[in-house]
Each structure stands twice: as structure tokens, then as C-alpha cells.
């Protein structure tokens, strides 16, 4: 893997940004905008994916990066649960719900793969083990 110099170059951060943009589109263009607490929750949890990847990258070494990635991965689950709530309340369509869940599941898996990679490498200069 080539050396990554900034978090914006990470594919997992780029995909997290796409998830945030997709959710923003849902908030603006569906009945989700009428449920203030749920729209705020899903906006915050999806933003947490993106923000924790960036913050972890900027920390001192793999151990801290992995910790922040675990929070980002958990936020994928939180966002996915909120997608179910939005769908169950008929605030988003089945297609929107399935598309969002697919994006979140893929992101969760990619974050997990990155965590496993970091356990065994020195990408951030400090080996985890």
C-alpha cells in the first residue's frame, strides 16, 4: 500500500463522505425532514463515521487510529439502525432504505478490513503490536 499522507486520500473516508451526502439528500427530499429527532440522529451518526476516520488518522499511531476506526464502524451500525427506524415510520422508501443499508454495510466491512491491516503494519509509524 502506498503511503497515505492525508485522510482525504483514504477510500473509507471518501465512502463515508458519500454516505453523509446520501443521507443529506434523504433529509432534504423525503419525509425524514419532518421527524426532527430522527433526522438529527442519523445526520450525527453518519457524520461520526466520517469524522472519526479523519480524527483517528490524525492521531499518533496505529493503536489510536484503530480505536477511532472502531467508533466509526459502530456508527455504521447506529446509522443502519436509524435507517430501519426511518423505513418503519415510512419516512423513506424501501429502495432508499436498502441502498443506504448496502452503503453502510460495505463501509463497515471496509473499516474492519482497514483495522485488521493496521494491526499488522506500520502505516502510521507506530506498530500496534
Foldseek 3Di string as FASTA:
>chain_A
DDQDDALVPDPLLVLLVVLLVLLVCLCVPWQVVVVVVLSVQLNVLSVLLNVLCRVLLPDQFLVSNLVSLVSSLVSLVVNLVSLVVCVVVVGDDPVSNVVSNVSSVVSSVVSVVVNVVQQQDGSRNDHND
